[in-house]
Amino acid sequence: MKRRFLNLASLALFLSFSLTSCEEDNKEDSIETDPITFTKEGELYLIKASGDTLRKLDIELAETPYEHQTGLMYRESMEDDQGMLFIYDTERVRSFYMKNTYIPLDIIYYDADSTLVSIQKNATPRDETSLPSDGPTKFVLEINGGLSDEWGIEDGDRIDFSKLQ
């Protein structure tokens, strides 16, 4: 009887170690990635219809199809004096969405002569709802949600930007 108890106890101990070992072996390895950080590639001025400068921003540029598709996805934050400017070769109605975008954004659409077309305000993070422009656009500026109202951006306003050399 004593021997049987020892065998059962040994078996239980063995199974306990085996199960623990299997658990650890089956854990998925998580890959640590560096956070995506802002890289200044240019400067942009928000200009009132009257010609007065409203605000100066440091901007990242989205000029390639890949950059157009990814935009500000996976960003944890952005400073209020920063934004991303999407530059397209042609002017047409454009539509953005917030898939994999973690921060609320104001998406501001501008036509070929850099005049405001429309604004999608406070776009909801991770929402895949289409957010179209109200007309043909060539430039799209993304800034932190709520800033277009705070800064008083309105119809007739324009942008002027330059790329860093």
C-alpha atoms as a PDB file:
ATOM      1  CA  MET A   1       0.000   0.000   0.000  1.00  0.00           C
ATOM      2  CA  LYS A   2       2.823   2.347   0.899  1.00  0.00           C
ATOM      3  CA  ARG A   3       4.552   1.593  -2.419  1.00  0.00           C
ATOM      4  CA  ARG A   4       1.332   2.282  -4.369  1.00  0.00           C
ATOM      5  CA  PHE A   5       0.945   5.663  -2.619  1.00  0.00           C
ATOM      6  CA  LEU A   6       4.549   6.556  -3.463  1.00  0.00           C
ATOM      7  CA  ASN A   7       4.004   5.616  -7.116  1.00  0.00           C
ATOM      8  CA  LEU A   8       0.819   7.738  -7.291  1.00  0.00           C
ATOM      9  CA  ALA A   9       2.577  10.639  -5.590  1.00  0.00           C
ATOM     10  CA  SER A  10       5.525  10.307  -7.979  1.00  0.00           C
ATOM     11  CA  LEU A  11       3.178  10.166 -10.955  1.00  0.00           C
ATOM     12  CA  ALA A  12       1.307  13.261  -9.774  1.00  0.00           C
ATOM     13  CA  LEU A  13       4.560  15.137  -9.271  1.00  0.00           C
ATOM     14  CA  PHE A  14       5.816  14.063 -12.702  1.00  0.00           C
ATOM     15  CA  LEU A  15       2.569  15.144 -14.399  1.00  0.00           C
ATOM     16  CA  SER A  16       2.683  18.466 -12.582  1.00  0.00           C
ATOM     17  CA  PHE A  17       6.182  19.208 -13.905  1.00  0.00           C
ATOM     18  CA  SER A  18       5.264  17.954 -17.381  1.00  0.00           C
ATOM     19  CA  LEU A  19       2.204  20.158 -17.644  1.00  0.00           C
ATOM     20  CA  THR A  20       4.101  23.185 -16.387  1.00  0.00           C
ATOM     21  CA  SER A  21       6.849  22.499 -18.883  1.00  0.00           C
ATOM     22  CA  CYS A  22       4.370  22.175 -21.758  1.00  0.00           C
ATOM     23  CA  GLU A  23       2.680  25.423 -20.798  1.00  0.00           C
ATOM     24  CA  GLU A  24       5.909  27.347 -20.980  1.00  0.00           C
ATOM     25  CA  ASP A  25       6.871  25.715 -24.276  1.00  0.00           C
ATOM     26  CA  ASN A  26       3.522  26.680 -25.819  1.00  0.00           C
ATOM     27  CA  LYS A  27       3.705  30.360 -24.870  1.00  0.00           C
ATOM     28  CA  GLU A  28       3.889  32.604 -27.897  1.00  0.00           C
ATOM     29  CA  ASP A  29       7.041  34.640 -28.113  1.00  0.00           C
ATOM     30  CA  SER A  30       6.141  38.304 -28.177  1.00  0.00           C
ATOM     31  CA  ILE A  31       8.230  40.507 -30.382  1.00  0.00           C
ATOM     32  CA  GLU A  32       9.177  43.850 -28.939  1.00  0.00           C
ATOM     33  CA  THR A  33       9.108  46.620 -31.516  1.00  0.00           C
ATOM     34  CA  ASP A  34      10.265  50.176 -31.221  1.00  0.00           C
ATOM     35  CA  PRO A  35       7.459  52.744 -31.133  1.00  0.00           C
ATOM     36  CA  ILE A  36       7.010  54.728 -34.325  1.00  0.00           C
ATOM     37  CA  THR A  37       8.334  58.223 -33.728  1.00  0.00           C
ATOM     38  CA  PHE A  38       7.873  61.509 -35.523  1.00  0.00           C
ATOM     39  CA  THR A  39      10.452  62.442 -38.154  1.00  0.00           C
ATOM     40  CA  LYS A  40      10.380  66.079 -39.263  1.00  0.00           C
ATOM     41  CA  GLU A  41      10.455  66.201 -43.071  1.00  0.00           C
ATOM     42  CA  GLY A  42       9.099  69.682 -43.621  1.00  0.00           C
ATOM     43  CA  GLU A  43       7.285  72.720 -42.278  1.00  0.00           C
ATOM     44  CA  LEU A  44       3.710  73.760 -42.950  1.00  0.00           C
ATOM     45  CA  TYR A  45       1.961  77.072 -42.338  1.00  0.00           C
ATOM     46  CA  LEU A  46      -1.778  77.298 -41.784  1.00  0.00           C
ATOM     47  CA  ILE A  47      -2.840  80.572 -43.382  1.00  0.00           C
ATOM     48  CA  LYS A  48      -6.132  82.388 -42.855  1.00  0.00           C
ATOM     49  CA  ALA A  49      -8.111  83.593 -45.867  1.00  0.00           C
ATOM     50  CA  SER A  50      -7.007  87.123 -44.861  1.00  0.00           C
ATOM     51  CA  GLY A  51      -3.362  86.081 -45.378  1.00  0.00           C
ATOM     52  CA  ASP A  52      -2.401  86.008 -41.701  1.00  0.00           C
ATOM     53  CA  THR A  53      -0.393  83.028 -40.501  1.00  0.00           C
ATOM     54  CA  LEU A  54      -2.483  81.001 -38.103  1.00  0.00           C
ATOM     55  CA  ARG A  55       0.045  78.353 -37.051  1.00  0.00           C
ATOM     56  CA  LYS A  56       3.343  76.715 -38.031  1.00  0.00           C
ATOM     57  CA  LEU A  57       3.644  72.916 -37.881  1.00  0.00           C
ATOM     58  CA  ASP A  58       6.474  70.452 -38.271  1.00  0.00           C
ATOM     59  CA  ILE A  59       5.302  67.776 -40.692  1.00  0.00           C
ATOM     60  CA  GLU A  60       6.027  64.288 -41.830  1.00  0.00           C
ATOM     61  CA  LEU A  61       5.270  63.634 -45.476  1.00  0.00           C
ATOM     62  CA  ALA A  62       3.264  60.793 -46.992  1.00  0.00           C
ATOM     63  CA  GLU A  63       4.127  60.731 -50.692  1.00  0.00           C
ATOM     64  CA  THR A  64       4.356  57.080 -51.743  1.00  0.00           C
ATOM     65  CA  PRO A  65       1.489  54.590 -52.001  1.00  0.00           C
ATOM     66  CA  TYR A  66       2.809  52.751 -48.912  1.00  0.00           C
ATOM     67  CA  GLU A  67       3.019  56.000 -46.913  1.00  0.00           C
ATOM     68  CA  HIS A  68      -0.490  56.940 -48.101  1.00  0.00           C
ATOM     69  CA  GLN A  69      -1.828  53.583 -46.864  1.00  0.00           C
ATOM     70  CA  THR A  70      -0.129  53.603 -43.464  1.00  0.00           C
ATOM     71  CA  GLY A  71      -0.195  57.299 -42.545  1.00  0.00           C
ATOM     72  CA  LEU A  72      -0.290  57.715 -38.768  1.00  0.00           C
ATOM     73  CA  MET A  73      -1.238  54.103 -38.035  1.00  0.00           C
ATOM     74  CA  TYR A  74       0.238  52.574 -34.894  1.00  0.00           C
ATOM     75  CA  ARG A  75       1.263  55.928 -33.393  1.00  0.00           C
ATOM     76  CA  GLU A  76       0.728  56.283 -29.674  1.00  0.00           C
ATOM     77  CA  SER A  77       0.738  60.105 -29.715  1.00  0.00           C
ATOM     78  CA  MET A  78       1.601  63.231 -31.661  1.00  0.00           C
ATOM     79  CA  GLU A  79       2.527  66.710 -30.428  1.00  0.00           C
ATOM     80  CA  ASP A  80       0.115  69.575 -31.169  1.00  0.00           C
ATOM     81  CA  ASP A  81       2.728  71.328 -33.317  1.00  0.00           C
ATOM     82  CA  GLN A  82       3.124  68.252 -35.538  1.00  0.00           C
ATOM     83  CA  GLY A  83       1.133  66.748 -38.378  1.00  0.00           C
ATOM     84  CA  MET A  84       1.307  64.510 -41.405  1.00  0.00           C
ATOM     85  CA  LEU A  85       0.808  65.921 -44.894  1.00  0.00           C
ATOM     86  CA  PHE A  86      -0.318  63.536 -47.615  1.00  0.00           C
ATOM     87  CA  ILE A  87       0.737  64.708 -51.069  1.00  0.00           C
ATOM     88  CA  TYR A  88      -0.874  63.216 -54.177  1.00  0.00           C
ATOM     89  CA  ASP A  89      -0.025  63.575 -57.866  1.00  0.00           C
ATOM     90  CA  THR A  90      -3.621  64.211 -58.888  1.00  0.00           C
ATOM     91  CA  GLU A  91      -6.607  66.031 -57.492  1.00  0.00           C
ATOM     92  CA  ARG A  92      -9.715  63.926 -56.777  1.00  0.00           C
ATOM     93  CA  VAL A  93     -12.226  63.142 -54.050  1.00  0.00           C
ATOM     94  CA  ARG A  94     -10.361  61.253 -51.323  1.00  0.00           C
ATOM     95  CA  SER A  95     -11.540  59.145 -48.435  1.00  0.00           C
ATOM     96  CA  PHE A  96      -9.631  58.195 -45.298  1.00  0.00           C
ATOM     97  CA  TYR A  97     -10.387  55.850 -42.407  1.00  0.00           C
ATOM     98  CA  MET A  98      -8.891  55.229 -38.966  1.00  0.00           C
ATOM     99  CA  LYS A  99      -7.963  51.534 -39.111  1.00  0.00           C
ATOM    100  CA  ASN A 100      -5.037  50.873 -36.748  1.00  0.00           C
ATOM    101  CA  THR A 101      -4.862  54.574 -35.851  1.00  0.00           C
ATOM    102  CA  TYR A 102      -4.717  54.957 -32.084  1.00  0.00           C
ATOM    103  CA  ILE A 103      -5.192  58.715 -31.685  1.00  0.00           C
ATOM    104  CA  PRO A 104      -8.183  60.905 -32.667  1.00  0.00           C
ATOM    105  CA  LEU A 105      -7.420  63.082 -35.682  1.00  0.00           C
ATOM    106  CA  ASP A 106      -8.767  66.022 -37.623  1.00  0.00           C
ATOM    107  CA  ILE A 107      -8.396  65.149 -41.311  1.00  0.00           C
ATOM    108  CA  ILE A 108      -8.221  68.332 -43.368  1.00  0.00           C
ATOM    109  CA  TYR A 109      -8.605  68.176 -47.149  1.00  0.00           C
ATOM    110  CA  TYR A 110      -7.077  70.821 -49.468  1.00  0.00           C
ATOM    111  CA  ASP A 111      -7.376  71.267 -53.232  1.00  0.00           C
ATOM    112  CA  ALA A 112      -4.567  71.694 -55.776  1.00  0.00           C
ATOM    113  CA  ASP A 113      -4.143  75.409 -54.960  1.00  0.00           C
ATOM    114  CA  SER A 114      -3.895  74.546 -51.226  1.00  0.00           C
ATOM    115  CA  THR A 115      -7.321  75.937 -50.288  1.00  0.00           C
ATOM    116  CA  LEU A 116      -9.436  74.121 -47.693  1.00  0.00           C
ATOM    117  CA  VAL A 117     -12.041  71.762 -49.155  1.00  0.00           C
ATOM    118  CA  SER A 118     -13.437  70.139 -45.995  1.00  0.00           C
ATOM    119  CA  ILE A 119     -12.577  68.791 -42.542  1.00  0.00           C
ATOM    120  CA  GLN A 120     -13.420  65.480 -40.896  1.00  0.00           C
ATOM    121  CA  LYS A 121     -13.224  66.441 -37.216  1.00  0.00           C
ATOM    122  CA  ASN A 122     -12.267  64.195 -34.302  1.00  0.00           C
ATOM    123  CA  ALA A 123     -12.096  60.990 -36.328  1.00  0.00           C
ATOM    124  CA  THR A 124     -12.588  58.055 -33.976  1.00  0.00           C
ATOM    125  CA  PRO A 125      -9.531  55.846 -33.399  1.00  0.00           C
ATOM    126  CA  ARG A 126      -9.666  52.381 -35.009  1.00  0.00           C
ATOM    127  CA  ASP A 127     -12.954  53.143 -36.791  1.00  0.00           C
ATOM    128  CA  GLU A 128     -13.081  51.903 -40.378  1.00  0.00           C
ATOM    129  CA  THR A 129     -15.913  54.213 -41.430  1.00  0.00           C
ATOM    130  CA  SER A 130     -15.105  56.078 -44.645  1.00  0.00           C
ATOM    131  CA  LEU A 131     -14.322  59.773 -44.081  1.00  0.00           C
ATOM    132  CA  PRO A 132     -14.514  61.420 -47.529  1.00  0.00           C
ATOM    133  CA  SER A 133     -13.623  64.908 -48.676  1.00  0.00           C
ATOM    134  CA  ASP A 134     -16.424  67.193 -49.875  1.00  0.00           C
ATOM    135  CA  GLY A 135     -14.657  67.728 -53.203  1.00  0.00           C
ATOM    136  CA  PRO A 136     -11.471  67.055 -55.155  1.00  0.00           C
ATOM    137  CA  THR A 137      -8.301  67.258 -53.065  1.00  0.00           C
ATOM    138  CA  LYS A 138      -4.565  67.012 -53.681  1.00  0.00           C
ATOM    139  CA  PHE A 139      -3.294  67.509 -50.111  1.00  0.00           C
ATOM    140  CA  VAL A 140      -4.546  66.042 -46.846  1.00  0.00           C
ATOM    141  CA  LEU A 141      -3.305  67.199 -43.446  1.00  0.00           C
ATOM    142  CA  GLU A 142      -3.766  65.100 -40.319  1.00  0.00           C
ATOM    143  CA  ILE A 143      -3.470  66.820 -36.939  1.00  0.00           C
ATOM    144  CA  ASN A 144      -4.585  65.910 -33.432  1.00  0.00           C
ATOM    145  CA  GLY A 145      -8.346  65.739 -33.045  1.00  0.00           C
ATOM    146  CA  GLY A 146     -10.027  68.975 -31.969  1.00  0.00           C
ATOM    147  CA  LEU A 147      -7.230  71.324 -33.065  1.00  0.00           C
ATOM    148  CA  SER A 148      -9.010  72.539 -36.215  1.00  0.00           C
ATOM    149  CA  ASP A 149     -11.783  73.993 -34.012  1.00  0.00           C
ATOM    150  CA  GLU A 150      -9.355  75.228 -31.360  1.00  0.00           C
ATOM    151  CA  TRP A 151      -7.272  77.036 -33.985  1.00  0.00           C
ATOM    152  CA  GLY A 152     -10.284  78.333 -35.943  1.00  0.00           C
ATOM    153  CA  ILE A 153      -9.507  76.640 -39.277  1.00  0.00           C
ATOM    154  CA  GLU A 154     -12.335  77.449 -41.694  1.00  0.00           C
ATOM    155  CA  ASP A 155     -13.421  77.785 -45.334  1.00  0.00           C
ATOM    156  CA  GLY A 156     -11.067  79.903 -47.411  1.00  0.00           C
ATOM    157  CA  ASP A 157      -8.018  79.044 -45.281  1.00  0.00           C
ATOM    158  CA  ARG A 158      -4.952  77.676 -47.033  1.00  0.00           C
ATOM    159  CA  ILE A 159      -1.696  75.875 -46.387  1.00  0.00           C
ATOM    160  CA  ASP A 160       1.849  76.590 -47.492  1.00  0.00           C
ATOM    161  CA  PHE A 161       4.574  74.010 -46.919  1.00  0.00           C
ATOM    162  CA  SER A 162       8.181  73.297 -47.700  1.00  0.00           C
ATOM    163  CA  LYS A 163      10.214  70.082 -47.606  1.00  0.00           C
ATOM    164  CA  LEU A 164      13.494  69.939 -45.731  1.00  0.00           C
ATOM    165  CA  GLN A 165      16.516  69.625 -48.003  1.00  0.00           C
END
